[in-house]
């Protein structure tokens, strides 16, 4: 896999690292990894754990953000801390360009 983009965002003691990779084969497919620490909530997922691939880097970023939201949906404190991150603005092209 080839690293296409990496975003490392820190807000106080909270941190999210999101990376997008190009899958090494004959097709244009992408995947992602996420490492996050939000208050006491710590979670990570890496490409070898993700079954799906995505057609564009932007689609991989959107899937990563969706995974972050899924992880924090039942943890009020983590959800509140997650809301402070710019990474969630994946749909706003001027903040998070989907090249």
N, C-alpha and C. Protein backbone atom coordinates (compact mmCIF):
# COMPACT_ATOMS: atom_id res chain seq x y z
N UNK A 1 0.83 -1.18 0.00
CA UNK A 1 0.00 0.00 0.00
C UNK A 1 0.88 1.24 0.00
N UNK A 2 0.38 2.27 -0.65
CA UNK A 2 1.07 3.54 -0.72
C UNK A 2 0.28 4.59 0.03
N UNK A 3 0.94 5.30 0.92
CA UNK A 3 0.28 6.37 1.67
C UNK A 3 -0.01 7.54 0.73
N UNK A 4 -1.27 7.93 0.64
CA UNK A 4 -1.70 9.04 -0.21
C UNK A 4 -1.79 10.34 0.60
N UNK A 5 -2.37 10.23 1.78
CA UNK A 5 -2.59 11.43 2.61
C UNK A 5 -2.68 11.02 4.07
N UNK A 6 -2.18 11.90 4.92
CA UNK A 6 -2.26 11.66 6.36
C UNK A 6 -2.67 12.97 7.04
N UNK A 7 -3.67 12.89 7.88
CA UNK A 7 -4.11 14.03 8.69
C UNK A 7 -3.94 13.66 10.15
N UNK A 8 -3.18 14.46 10.86
CA UNK A 8 -2.96 14.26 12.29
C UNK A 8 -3.49 15.52 12.98
N UNK A 9 -4.59 15.37 13.69
CA UNK A 9 -5.23 16.54 14.31
C UNK A 9 -5.29 16.35 15.82
N UNK A 10 -4.84 17.36 16.54
CA UNK A 10 -4.81 17.32 18.00
C UNK A 10 -5.67 18.46 18.54
N UNK A 11 -6.50 18.14 19.50
CA UNK A 11 -7.32 19.13 20.21
C UNK A 11 -7.15 18.86 21.69
N UNK A 12 -6.28 19.63 22.35
CA UNK A 12 -5.99 19.38 23.76
C UNK A 12 -5.31 18.04 23.91
N UNK A 13 -5.89 17.17 24.74
CA UNK A 13 -5.34 15.82 24.93
C UNK A 13 -5.96 14.81 23.98
N UNK A 14 -6.85 15.25 23.12
CA UNK A 14 -7.51 14.38 22.15
C UNK A 14 -6.74 14.40 20.84
N UNK A 15 -6.71 13.27 20.15
CA UNK A 15 -5.98 13.18 18.89
C UNK A 15 -6.64 12.19 17.95
N UNK A 16 -6.67 12.55 16.67
CA UNK A 16 -7.14 11.64 15.62
C UNK A 16 -6.10 11.65 14.51
N UNK A 17 -5.70 10.46 14.10
CA UNK A 17 -4.79 10.30 12.97
C UNK A 17 -5.54 9.50 11.91
N UNK A 18 -5.74 10.12 10.75
CA UNK A 18 -6.44 9.48 9.65
C UNK A 18 -5.48 9.40 8.47
N UNK A 19 -5.32 8.23 7.90
CA UNK A 19 -4.44 8.05 6.75
C UNK A 19 -5.22 7.36 5.63
N UNK A 20 -4.97 7.78 4.40
CA UNK A 20 -5.59 7.17 3.22
C UNK A 20 -4.49 6.52 2.41
N UNK A 21 -4.74 5.29 1.97
CA UNK A 21 -3.76 4.51 1.22
C UNK A 21 -4.32 4.08 -0.13
N UNK A 22 -3.44 3.99 -1.11
CA UNK A 22 -3.79 3.40 -2.40
C UNK A 22 -3.42 1.93 -2.33
N UNK A 23 -4.37 1.07 -2.67
CA UNK A 23 -4.14 -0.37 -2.64
C UNK A 23 -3.25 -0.74 -3.82
N UNK A 24 -2.25 -1.56 -3.57
CA UNK A 24 -1.30 -1.95 -4.61
C UNK A 24 -1.83 -3.11 -5.44
N UNK A 25 -2.57 -2.78 -6.46
CA UNK A 25 -2.96 -3.77 -7.48
C UNK A 25 -3.24 -3.01 -8.77
N UNK A 26 -3.85 -3.65 -9.74
CA UNK A 26 -4.04 -3.03 -11.05
C UNK A 26 -5.19 -2.03 -11.10
N UNK A 27 -5.98 -1.94 -10.07
CA UNK A 27 -7.14 -1.06 -10.09
C UNK A 27 -6.91 0.15 -9.20
N UNK A 28 -7.72 1.16 -9.40
CA UNK A 28 -7.68 2.37 -8.56
C UNK A 28 -8.60 2.16 -7.36
N UNK A 29 -8.05 1.64 -6.27
CA UNK A 29 -8.81 1.43 -5.06
C UNK A 29 -8.05 2.02 -3.89
N UNK A 30 -8.81 2.45 -2.89
CA UNK A 30 -8.22 3.12 -1.73
C UNK A 30 -8.81 2.54 -0.45
N UNK A 31 -8.07 2.70 0.62
CA UNK A 31 -8.53 2.30 1.94
C UNK A 31 -7.99 3.30 2.96
N UNK A 32 -8.25 3.09 4.24
CA UNK A 32 -7.87 4.07 5.25
C UNK A 32 -7.43 3.39 6.54
N UNK A 33 -6.86 4.18 7.42
CA UNK A 33 -6.62 3.76 8.80
C UNK A 33 -6.98 4.93 9.70
N UNK A 34 -7.43 4.60 10.90
CA UNK A 34 -7.78 5.63 11.89
C UNK A 34 -7.20 5.22 13.23
N UNK A 35 -6.63 6.19 13.92
CA UNK A 35 -6.24 6.02 15.32
C UNK A 35 -6.83 7.21 16.05
N UNK A 36 -7.60 6.96 17.11
CA UNK A 36 -8.19 8.10 17.82
C UNK A 36 -8.13 7.90 19.32
N UNK A 37 -7.96 9.02 19.99
CA UNK A 37 -8.03 9.08 21.45
C UNK A 37 -8.90 10.28 21.78
N UNK A 38 -10.06 10.03 22.34
CA UNK A 38 -10.99 11.07 22.73
C UNK A 38 -11.33 10.87 24.20
N UNK A 39 -10.80 11.70 25.08
CA UNK A 39 -10.89 11.55 26.53
C UNK A 39 -10.42 10.14 26.90
N UNK A 40 -11.25 9.30 27.45
CA UNK A 40 -10.84 7.93 27.80
C UNK A 40 -11.13 6.93 26.69
N UNK A 41 -11.73 7.38 25.62
CA UNK A 41 -12.10 6.51 24.51
C UNK A 41 -10.90 6.39 23.56
N UNK A 42 -10.40 5.19 23.38
CA UNK A 42 -9.27 4.94 22.48
C UNK A 42 -9.67 3.82 21.53
N UNK A 43 -9.48 4.07 20.24
CA UNK A 43 -9.87 3.08 19.23
C UNK A 43 -8.99 3.24 18.01
N UNK A 44 -8.76 2.16 17.27
CA UNK A 44 -7.98 2.21 16.05
C UNK A 44 -8.46 1.12 15.09
N UNK A 45 -8.28 1.39 13.81
CA UNK A 45 -8.54 0.38 12.78
C UNK A 45 -7.48 0.59 11.70
N UNK A 46 -6.98 -0.50 11.16
CA UNK A 46 -5.91 -0.45 10.18
C UNK A 46 -6.36 -1.14 8.89
N UNK A 47 -5.69 -0.87 7.77
CA UNK A 47 -6.15 -1.41 6.47
C UNK A 47 -6.37 -2.91 6.44
N UNK A 48 -5.54 -3.67 7.13
CA UNK A 48 -5.71 -5.14 7.09
C UNK A 48 -6.99 -5.58 7.80
N UNK A 49 -7.62 -4.68 8.56
CA UNK A 49 -8.87 -5.00 9.26
C UNK A 49 -10.10 -4.54 8.48
N UNK A 50 -9.90 -3.83 7.37
CA UNK A 50 -11.01 -3.27 6.60
C UNK A 50 -11.24 -4.13 5.37
N UNK A 51 -12.45 -4.68 5.26
CA UNK A 51 -12.75 -5.57 4.14
C UNK A 51 -13.03 -4.80 2.84
N UNK A 52 -13.59 -3.61 2.96
CA UNK A 52 -13.98 -2.84 1.78
C UNK A 52 -12.84 -1.98 1.26
N UNK A 53 -12.88 -1.71 -0.05
CA UNK A 53 -12.02 -0.70 -0.65
C UNK A 53 -12.93 0.34 -1.28
N UNK A 54 -12.38 1.50 -1.59
CA UNK A 54 -13.18 2.62 -2.07
C UNK A 54 -12.62 3.13 -3.38
N UNK A 55 -13.48 3.67 -4.26
CA UNK A 55 -13.04 4.06 -5.60
C UNK A 55 -12.20 5.34 -5.65
N UNK A 56 -12.32 6.19 -4.63
CA UNK A 56 -11.57 7.45 -4.61
C UNK A 56 -11.03 7.71 -3.21
N UNK A 57 -10.01 8.55 -3.09
CA UNK A 57 -9.53 8.92 -1.75
C UNK A 57 -10.62 9.61 -0.92
N UNK A 58 -11.44 10.42 -1.57
CA UNK A 58 -12.52 11.12 -0.86
C UNK A 58 -13.53 10.12 -0.29
N UNK A 59 -13.85 9.08 -1.03
CA UNK A 59 -14.78 8.06 -0.53
C UNK A 59 -14.18 7.34 0.67
N UNK A 60 -12.88 7.10 0.64
CA UNK A 60 -12.21 6.47 1.79
C UNK A 60 -12.26 7.38 3.01
N UNK A 61 -12.04 8.69 2.82
CA UNK A 61 -12.11 9.66 3.93
C UNK A 61 -13.51 9.69 4.52
N UNK A 62 -14.51 9.71 3.66
CA UNK A 62 -15.89 9.73 4.14
C UNK A 62 -16.22 8.47 4.93
N UNK A 63 -15.71 7.32 4.48
CA UNK A 63 -15.93 6.07 5.20
C UNK A 63 -15.24 6.11 6.57
N UNK A 64 -14.06 6.70 6.62
CA UNK A 64 -13.33 6.82 7.88
C UNK A 64 -14.09 7.70 8.87
N UNK A 65 -14.59 8.82 8.40
CA UNK A 65 -15.37 9.72 9.26
C UNK A 65 -16.64 9.03 9.73
N UNK A 66 -17.26 8.27 8.86
CA UNK A 66 -18.45 7.51 9.23
C UNK A 66 -18.12 6.50 10.33
N UNK A 67 -16.96 5.85 10.22
CA UNK A 67 -16.52 4.89 11.24
C UNK A 67 -16.29 5.59 12.58
N UNK A 68 -15.67 6.78 12.56
CA UNK A 68 -15.49 7.55 13.79
C UNK A 68 -16.82 7.88 14.45
N UNK A 69 -17.77 8.31 13.65
CA UNK A 69 -19.10 8.64 14.19
C UNK A 69 -19.79 7.40 14.75
N UNK A 70 -19.62 6.27 14.07
CA UNK A 70 -20.21 5.02 14.54
C UNK A 70 -19.61 4.61 15.88
N UNK A 71 -18.29 4.73 16.01
CA UNK A 71 -17.63 4.37 17.26
C UNK A 71 -18.12 5.21 18.43
N UNK A 72 -18.38 6.49 18.21
CA UNK A 72 -18.68 7.40 19.31
C UNK A 72 -20.17 7.64 19.53
N UNK A 73 -21.03 7.04 18.74
CA UNK A 73 -22.46 7.37 18.83
C UNK A 73 -23.08 7.04 20.18
N UNK A 74 -22.54 6.07 20.92
CA UNK A 74 -23.12 5.70 22.21
C UNK A 74 -22.32 6.21 23.41
N UNK A 75 -21.29 7.00 23.14
CA UNK A 75 -20.46 7.55 24.20
C UNK A 75 -20.55 9.07 24.12
N UNK A 76 -21.38 9.64 24.98
CA UNK A 76 -21.67 11.07 24.91
C UNK A 76 -20.42 11.94 25.00
N UNK A 77 -19.54 11.63 25.92
CA UNK A 77 -18.33 12.43 26.10
C UNK A 77 -17.43 12.36 24.85
N UNK A 78 -17.21 11.17 24.33
CA UNK A 78 -16.38 11.01 23.13
C UNK A 78 -17.03 11.72 21.94
N UNK A 79 -18.35 11.64 21.84
CA UNK A 79 -19.08 12.30 20.76
C UNK A 79 -18.90 13.81 20.82
N UNK A 80 -18.95 14.38 22.01
CA UNK A 80 -18.75 15.82 22.19
C UNK A 80 -17.32 16.23 21.81
N UNK A 81 -16.34 15.44 22.21
CA UNK A 81 -14.95 15.74 21.87
C UNK A 81 -14.71 15.60 20.36
N UNK A 82 -15.34 14.62 19.75
CA UNK A 82 -15.20 14.40 18.31
C UNK A 82 -15.70 15.59 17.51
N UNK A 83 -16.73 16.24 17.99
CA UNK A 83 -17.33 17.37 17.27
C UNK A 83 -16.37 18.54 17.09
N UNK A 84 -15.30 18.60 17.87
CA UNK A 84 -14.34 19.71 17.78
C UNK A 84 -13.33 19.55 16.64
N UNK A 85 -13.30 18.40 16.00
CA UNK A 85 -12.28 18.12 14.99
C UNK A 85 -12.69 18.57 13.59
N UNK A 86 -11.72 19.16 12.87
CA UNK A 86 -11.96 19.59 11.49
C UNK A 86 -12.09 18.42 10.53
N UNK A 87 -11.59 17.26 10.89
CA UNK A 87 -11.67 16.09 10.02
C UNK A 87 -13.11 15.75 9.65
N UNK A 88 -14.04 16.14 10.49
CA UNK A 88 -15.45 15.83 10.22
C UNK A 88 -15.99 16.65 9.06
N UNK A 89 -15.24 17.65 8.60
CA UNK A 89 -15.68 18.51 7.50
C UNK A 89 -15.28 17.93 6.14
N UNK A 90 -15.29 16.63 6.01
CA UNK A 90 -14.85 15.98 4.78
C UNK A 90 -15.71 16.39 3.58
N UNK A 91 -16.95 16.79 3.81
CA UNK A 91 -17.82 17.21 2.71
C UNK A 91 -17.58 18.65 2.29
N UNK A 92 -16.84 19.41 3.08
CA UNK A 92 -16.55 20.81 2.74
C UNK A 92 -15.19 20.86 2.05
N UNK A 93 -15.22 20.88 0.74
CA UNK A 93 -14.02 20.73 -0.06
C UNK A 93 -12.94 21.75 0.25
N UNK A 94 -13.31 22.96 0.64
CA UNK A 94 -12.29 23.96 0.91
C UNK A 94 -11.51 23.66 2.18
N UNK A 95 -12.07 22.89 3.12
CA UNK A 95 -11.37 22.53 4.35
C UNK A 95 -10.64 21.20 4.24
N UNK A 96 -11.17 20.31 3.46
CA UNK A 96 -10.65 18.94 3.39
C UNK A 96 -10.73 18.49 1.95
N UNK A 97 -9.81 18.96 1.08
CA UNK A 97 -9.92 18.70 -0.34
C UNK A 97 -9.92 17.21 -0.68
N UNK A 98 -10.83 16.83 -1.52
CA UNK A 98 -10.94 15.44 -1.99
C UNK A 98 -10.39 15.37 -3.40
N UNK A 99 -9.10 15.28 -3.50
CA UNK A 99 -8.42 15.32 -4.78
C UNK A 99 -8.66 14.20 -5.72
